[in-house]
């Protein structure tokens, strides 16, 4: 299903380093999220009013917040895809991190509100009406959310997007939260014990944990977290694959968004190489890094004076 949607709505979907392609992925993720979450919200809201279950109503509102988060994700990718300008010479890629942080804050706030409502239900119990329709709708909701988790995780990993990873985590949290509500409804239906408020508290805990973890992951690149070790190893492997390079050091990586890094490094080359040859080698390395790592590269040459042997 994911491959089909990518083929239908994204041209050149394999060129994930292209800002326009990244933006298309963001629009696809946001559009699917808005449609699915609005449908889940309407279905659960109606079900919650009919049954009188606060946990189902809270779960519905949670889906509504997810629809809002999808809108934020979509807008974030739209803005992040804008080209560089005099006021933003390195582009707008970090807006993706900000949109992921906004989503995380929305998740946390929703968790707090759900916790308050659930505690109130525990202190002031109300009768709930459970039927087989409740189970059908809740199970369908879980399946939809699991698919959304897989969908956003696959897209997020394909384009290295923290915003999509946050959305994917939110989806798996939602499916677990709905599962808890489903268990509570089953206990009510088969055993006659009304655990509506308690199930709501558990759902709130799921949501809060997910929101806090997502916020932490979103903030890290904004405050200058170390670069990914795999990314550093990839740069080292590309540079050192050229036999003329004797060593590299002083690697600096500035993250301006998932699709844009600014890299500078020093390489050691024999002082016996003529300037034209050295320049051609460095240009080749820069081209490889830019195409494979989606970055702008500046390489400084440090000449290495080699000791002459007795034969020389």
Protein backbone atom coordinates (compact mmCIF):
# COMPACT_ATOMS: atom_id res chain seq x y z
CA UNK A 1 0.00 0.00 0.00
CA UNK A 2 2.80 2.40 0.92
CA UNK A 3 4.66 1.72 -2.32
CA UNK A 4 1.48 2.27 -4.30
CA UNK A 5 0.83 5.65 -2.66
CA UNK A 6 4.43 6.73 -3.23
CA UNK A 7 4.24 5.78 -6.90
CA UNK A 8 0.91 7.56 -7.36
CA UNK A 9 1.74 10.84 -5.62
CA UNK A 10 5.54 11.25 -5.71
CA UNK A 11 7.58 11.64 -8.86
CA UNK A 12 11.20 10.47 -8.63
CA UNK A 13 10.54 9.07 -5.16
CA UNK A 14 14.03 7.57 -4.96
CA UNK A 15 15.73 11.00 -5.08
CA UNK A 16 15.19 11.67 -1.38
CA UNK A 17 17.92 14.31 -1.23
CA UNK A 18 15.93 16.59 -3.54
CA UNK A 19 14.04 19.23 -1.47
CA UNK A 20 11.02 18.98 -3.79
CA UNK A 21 10.87 15.20 -3.34
CA UNK A 22 11.18 15.54 0.45
CA UNK A 23 8.35 18.05 0.39
CA UNK A 24 6.22 15.61 -1.62
CA UNK A 25 6.83 12.91 0.98
CA UNK A 26 5.77 15.34 3.70
CA UNK A 27 2.58 16.27 1.85
CA UNK A 28 1.73 12.59 1.35
CA UNK A 29 2.31 11.79 5.03
CA UNK A 30 0.31 14.80 6.17
CA UNK A 31 -2.58 14.14 3.79
CA UNK A 32 -2.91 10.49 4.81
CA UNK A 33 -2.68 11.45 8.48
CA UNK A 34 -5.38 14.10 8.23
CA UNK A 35 -7.81 11.81 6.39
CA UNK A 36 -7.34 8.78 8.65
CA UNK A 37 -7.37 10.70 11.93
CA UNK A 38 -10.47 12.71 11.06
CA UNK A 39 -12.35 9.51 10.21
CA UNK A 40 -11.23 7.89 13.47
CA UNK A 41 -12.17 11.02 15.43
CA UNK A 42 -15.70 11.16 14.04
CA UNK A 43 -16.29 7.43 14.55
CA UNK A 44 -14.98 7.36 18.12
CA UNK A 45 -16.66 10.61 19.12
CA UNK A 46 -20.05 9.29 18.05
CA UNK A 47 -19.32 5.98 19.78
CA UNK A 48 -18.23 7.76 22.96
CA UNK A 49 -21.40 9.84 23.15
CA UNK A 50 -23.58 6.78 22.57
CA UNK A 51 -21.82 4.65 25.21
CA UNK A 52 -21.03 7.45 27.66
CA UNK A 53 -17.42 6.21 27.95
CA UNK A 54 -14.95 8.99 28.81
CA UNK A 55 -12.01 6.84 27.66
CA UNK A 56 -13.47 6.52 24.14
CA UNK A 57 -14.23 10.26 23.95
CA UNK A 58 -10.69 11.03 25.11
CA UNK A 59 -9.31 8.61 22.53
CA UNK A 60 -11.38 10.42 19.88
CA UNK A 61 -10.02 13.81 20.92
CA UNK A 62 -6.54 12.30 20.80
CA UNK A 63 -7.16 11.40 17.15
CA UNK A 64 -8.32 14.95 16.50
CA UNK A 65 -5.05 16.25 17.92
CA UNK A 66 -3.26 13.81 15.61
CA UNK A 67 -5.09 15.34 12.64
CA UNK A 68 -3.88 18.75 13.80
CA UNK A 69 -0.36 17.37 14.15
CA UNK A 70 -0.55 16.07 10.58
CA UNK A 71 -1.48 19.56 9.41
CA UNK A 72 1.55 20.95 11.27
CA UNK A 73 3.78 18.28 9.70
CA UNK A 74 2.47 19.14 6.25
CA UNK A 75 3.05 22.86 6.77
CA UNK A 76 6.49 22.13 8.21
CA UNK A 77 7.56 20.23 5.10
CA UNK A 78 6.13 22.96 2.88
CA UNK A 79 8.17 25.61 4.68
CA UNK A 80 11.29 23.42 4.98
CA UNK A 81 11.20 22.89 1.21
CA UNK A 82 11.55 26.61 0.50
CA UNK A 83 14.86 27.47 -1.19
CA UNK A 84 17.58 29.42 0.57
CA UNK A 85 17.27 33.21 0.56
CA UNK A 86 19.39 36.15 1.78
CA UNK A 87 17.79 35.95 5.22
CA UNK A 88 18.24 32.16 5.41
CA UNK A 89 21.37 31.31 3.39
CA UNK A 90 21.35 27.70 4.61
CA UNK A 91 17.71 27.06 3.76
CA UNK A 92 14.74 26.31 5.99
CA UNK A 93 15.39 22.64 6.76
CA UNK A 94 15.37 23.04 10.55
CA UNK A 95 11.66 23.86 10.40
CA UNK A 96 11.16 20.08 10.22
CA UNK A 97 12.70 19.77 13.67
CA UNK A 98 10.50 22.58 14.97
CA UNK A 99 7.36 20.95 13.56
CA UNK A 100 8.35 17.66 15.23
CA UNK A 101 8.79 19.53 18.52
CA UNK A 102 5.38 21.19 18.12
CA UNK A 103 3.81 17.76 17.55
CA UNK A 104 5.50 16.47 20.70
CA UNK A 105 4.21 19.36 22.81
CA UNK A 106 0.68 18.79 21.46
CA UNK A 107 0.93 15.11 22.44
CA UNK A 108 2.05 16.01 25.97
CA UNK A 109 -0.75 18.56 26.45
CA UNK A 110 -3.31 16.05 25.24
CA UNK A 111 -1.95 13.48 27.67
CA UNK A 112 -2.31 15.91 30.57
CA UNK A 113 -5.92 16.74 29.65
CA UNK A 114 -6.77 13.07 29.26
CA UNK A 115 -5.24 12.32 32.67
CA UNK A 116 -7.36 15.03 34.32
CA UNK A 117 -10.58 13.80 32.68
CA UNK A 118 -9.85 10.20 33.65
CA UNK A 119 -9.19 11.06 37.29
CA UNK A 120 -12.47 12.97 37.37
CA UNK A 121 -14.27 9.89 36.02
CA UNK A 122 -12.69 7.74 38.76
CA UNK A 123 -13.86 10.18 41.43
CA UNK A 124 -17.30 10.56 39.82
CA UNK A 125 -18.22 7.24 38.12
CA UNK A 126 -20.84 7.23 35.36
CA UNK A 127 -22.63 4.32 33.73
CA UNK A 128 -21.39 3.21 30.32
CA UNK A 129 -23.21 1.18 27.67
CA UNK A 130 -21.10 -1.40 25.83
CA UNK A 131 -22.14 -3.40 22.75
CA UNK A 132 -20.43 -5.49 20.06
CA UNK A 133 -20.28 -2.40 17.82
CA UNK A 134 -17.83 -0.90 20.31
CA UNK A 135 -15.42 -3.79 19.82
CA UNK A 136 -15.66 -3.66 16.02
CA UNK A 137 -14.88 0.06 15.87
CA UNK A 138 -12.04 -0.08 18.40
CA UNK A 139 -10.38 -3.07 16.71
CA UNK A 140 -10.66 -1.34 13.32
CA UNK A 141 -9.09 1.78 14.86
CA UNK A 142 -6.14 -0.23 16.18
CA UNK A 143 -5.52 -1.79 12.77
CA UNK A 144 -5.65 1.62 11.05
CA UNK A 145 -3.19 3.08 13.55
CA UNK A 146 -0.78 0.17 13.17
CA UNK A 147 -0.80 0.69 9.41
CA UNK A 148 -0.18 4.42 9.90
CA UNK A 149 2.77 3.59 12.16
CA UNK A 150 4.35 1.37 9.50
CA UNK A 151 3.54 3.90 6.77
CA UNK A 152 5.11 6.91 8.52
CA UNK A 153 8.08 4.93 9.81
CA UNK A 154 8.89 3.73 6.30
CA UNK A 155 8.59 7.23 4.82
CA UNK A 156 10.51 8.76 7.73
CA UNK A 157 13.42 6.36 7.38
CA UNK A 158 13.47 6.79 3.63
CA UNK A 159 13.99 10.56 3.85
CA UNK A 160 15.54 10.70 7.35
CA UNK A 161 12.75 12.84 8.81
CA UNK A 162 12.42 13.34 12.57
CA UNK A 163 8.93 14.80 12.04
CA UNK A 164 7.70 11.59 10.40
CA UNK A 165 9.43 9.46 13.03
CA UNK A 166 7.55 11.45 15.68
CA UNK A 167 4.27 10.91 13.83
CA UNK A 168 5.00 7.17 13.57
CA UNK A 169 5.68 6.93 17.30
CA UNK A 170 2.45 8.77 17.99
CA UNK A 171 0.56 6.23 15.87
CA UNK A 172 1.92 3.22 17.77
CA UNK A 173 1.14 4.97 21.05
CA UNK A 174 -2.41 5.59 19.83
CA UNK A 175 -2.89 1.92 18.94
CA UNK A 176 -1.71 0.86 22.40
CA UNK A 177 -3.96 3.44 24.01
CA UNK A 178 -6.97 2.20 22.05
CA UNK A 179 -6.05 -1.38 22.99
CA UNK A 180 -6.21 -0.41 26.66
CA UNK A 181 -9.65 1.12 26.10
CA UNK A 182 -10.71 -2.06 24.29
CA UNK A 183 -9.59 -4.20 27.24
CA UNK A 184 -11.52 -1.97 29.63
CA UNK A 185 -14.66 -2.24 27.51
CA UNK A 186 -14.26 -6.05 27.35
CA UNK A 187 -14.01 -6.29 31.15
CA UNK A 188 -17.11 -4.12 31.46
CA UNK A 189 -19.03 -6.18 28.89
CA UNK A 190 -18.12 -9.67 30.13
CA UNK A 191 -17.51 -9.15 33.87
CA UNK A 192 -19.55 -6.05 34.67
CA UNK A 193 -16.65 -4.05 36.14
CA UNK A 194 -16.53 -0.43 34.96
CA UNK A 195 -12.84 0.50 34.61
CA UNK A 196 -13.42 3.42 32.25
CA UNK A 197 -11.58 6.02 34.34
CA UNK A 198 -8.67 3.73 35.15
CA UNK A 199 -8.22 2.82 31.50
CA UNK A 200 -8.14 6.52 30.73
CA UNK A 201 -5.27 7.01 33.19
CA UNK A 202 -3.27 4.24 31.50
CA UNK A 203 -3.96 5.77 28.08
CA UNK A 204 -2.74 9.14 29.36
CA UNK A 205 0.49 7.54 30.59
CA UNK A 206 1.13 6.06 27.12
CA UNK A 207 0.56 9.42 25.50
CA UNK A 208 2.77 11.36 27.93
CA UNK A 209 5.69 8.93 27.62
CA UNK A 210 5.52 9.08 23.82
CA UNK A 211 5.32 12.88 23.81
CA UNK A 212 8.28 13.32 26.15
CA UNK A 213 10.48 10.91 24.16
CA UNK A 214 9.51 12.54 20.88
CA UNK A 215 10.24 16.03 22.27
CA UNK A 216 13.68 14.91 23.41
CA UNK A 217 14.50 13.50 19.97
CA UNK A 218 13.28 16.72 18.28
CA UNK A 219 15.28 19.06 20.51
CA UNK A 220 18.63 17.25 20.16
CA UNK A 221 19.51 18.46 16.62
CA UNK A 222 18.36 21.99 17.47
CA UNK A 223 20.77 22.34 20.40
CA UNK A 224 23.78 20.86 18.61
CA UNK A 225 23.79 17.12 19.35
CA UNK A 226 26.78 15.12 18.03
CA UNK A 227 26.38 13.84 14.46
CA UNK A 228 25.26 10.28 13.87
CA UNK A 229 28.21 7.88 14.09
CA UNK A 230 27.09 6.08 10.95
CA UNK A 231 27.10 9.38 9.04
CA UNK A 232 30.64 10.16 10.25
CA UNK A 233 31.83 6.69 9.26
CA UNK A 234 30.28 7.10 5.82
CA UNK A 235 32.17 10.37 5.27
CA UNK A 236 35.41 8.77 6.45
CA UNK A 237 34.90 5.78 4.16
CA UNK A 238 34.28 7.95 1.08
CA UNK A 239 37.29 10.18 1.73
CA UNK A 240 39.75 7.43 2.59
CA UNK A 241 38.72 5.35 -0.44
CA UNK A 242 41.05 7.59 -2.47
CA UNK A 243 44.62 6.24 -2.22
CA UNK A 244 46.14 9.73 -2.47
CA UNK A 245 44.58 10.67 0.89
CA UNK A 246 46.96 9.83 3.74
CA UNK A 247 44.59 10.85 6.53
CA UNK A 248 41.74 13.16 7.55
CA UNK A 249 40.98 15.22 10.65
CA UNK A 250 39.08 18.25 11.98
CA UNK A 251 35.76 17.05 10.59
CA UNK A 252 33.00 19.54 11.37
CA UNK A 253 29.33 18.85 10.58
CA UNK A 254 26.67 21.55 10.87
CA UNK A 255 23.10 20.24 10.66
CA UNK A 256 20.72 22.58 8.81
CA UNK A 257 17.96 20.01 8.42
CA UNK A 258 17.65 16.33 7.44
CA UNK A 259 18.39 17.16 3.80
CA UNK A 260 21.18 19.70 4.33
CA UNK A 261 24.44 19.46 6.23
CA UNK A 262 27.43 21.76 5.89
CA UNK A 263 30.71 19.83 6.22
CA UNK A 264 34.31 20.94 6.46
CA UNK A 265 37.37 18.74 6.95
CA UNK A 266 41.12 18.58 6.51
CA UNK A 267 42.85 15.89 4.44
CA UNK A 268 46.51 14.97 4.33
CA UNK A 269 48.13 14.58 0.90
CA UNK A 270 51.68 14.18 -0.28
CA UNK A 271 53.48 17.48 -0.84
CA UNK A 272 54.95 15.97 -3.99
CA UNK A 273 51.59 16.06 -5.77
CA UNK A 274 51.22 18.98 -8.16
CA UNK A 275 48.48 21.48 -7.42
CA UNK A 276 46.29 20.59 -10.43
CA UNK A 277 46.24 16.88 -9.55
CA UNK A 278 45.48 17.58 -5.89
CA UNK A 279 42.67 19.93 -6.87
CA UNK A 280 41.11 17.33 -9.17
CA UNK A 281 41.19 14.70 -6.41
CA UNK A 282 39.59 17.04 -3.88
CA UNK A 283 36.89 18.07 -6.36
CA UNK A 284 36.10 14.41 -6.98
CA UNK A 285 35.78 13.73 -3.24
CA UNK A 286 33.56 16.78 -2.74
CA UNK A 287 31.27 15.66 -5.57
CA UNK A 288 30.97 12.17 -4.06
CA UNK A 289 30.17 13.54 -0.60
CA UNK A 290 27.60 16.00 -1.94
CA UNK A 291 25.78 13.34 -3.97
CA UNK A 292 25.87 10.56 -1.37
CA UNK A 293 25.53 12.57 1.87
CA UNK A 294 23.34 15.47 0.67
CA UNK A 295 25.68 18.15 1.99
CA UNK A 296 27.84 21.11 1.07
CA UNK A 297 31.53 20.32 1.52
CA UNK A 298 34.70 22.34 2.01
CA UNK A 299 37.99 20.43 2.11
CA UNK A 300 41.32 21.91 3.20
CA UNK A 301 44.54 20.23 2.08
CA UNK A 302 47.37 19.67 4.56
CA UNK A 303 50.56 18.77 2.64
CA UNK A 304 52.60 15.95 4.13
CA UNK A 305 56.35 16.14 3.57
CA UNK A 306 57.62 12.60 3.03
CA UNK A 307 61.10 11.60 4.09
CA UNK A 308 63.39 10.67 1.26
CA UNK A 309 64.83 7.19 1.23
CA UNK A 310 68.52 6.46 0.64
CA UNK A 311 67.73 5.45 -2.95
CA UNK A 312 66.27 8.89 -3.57
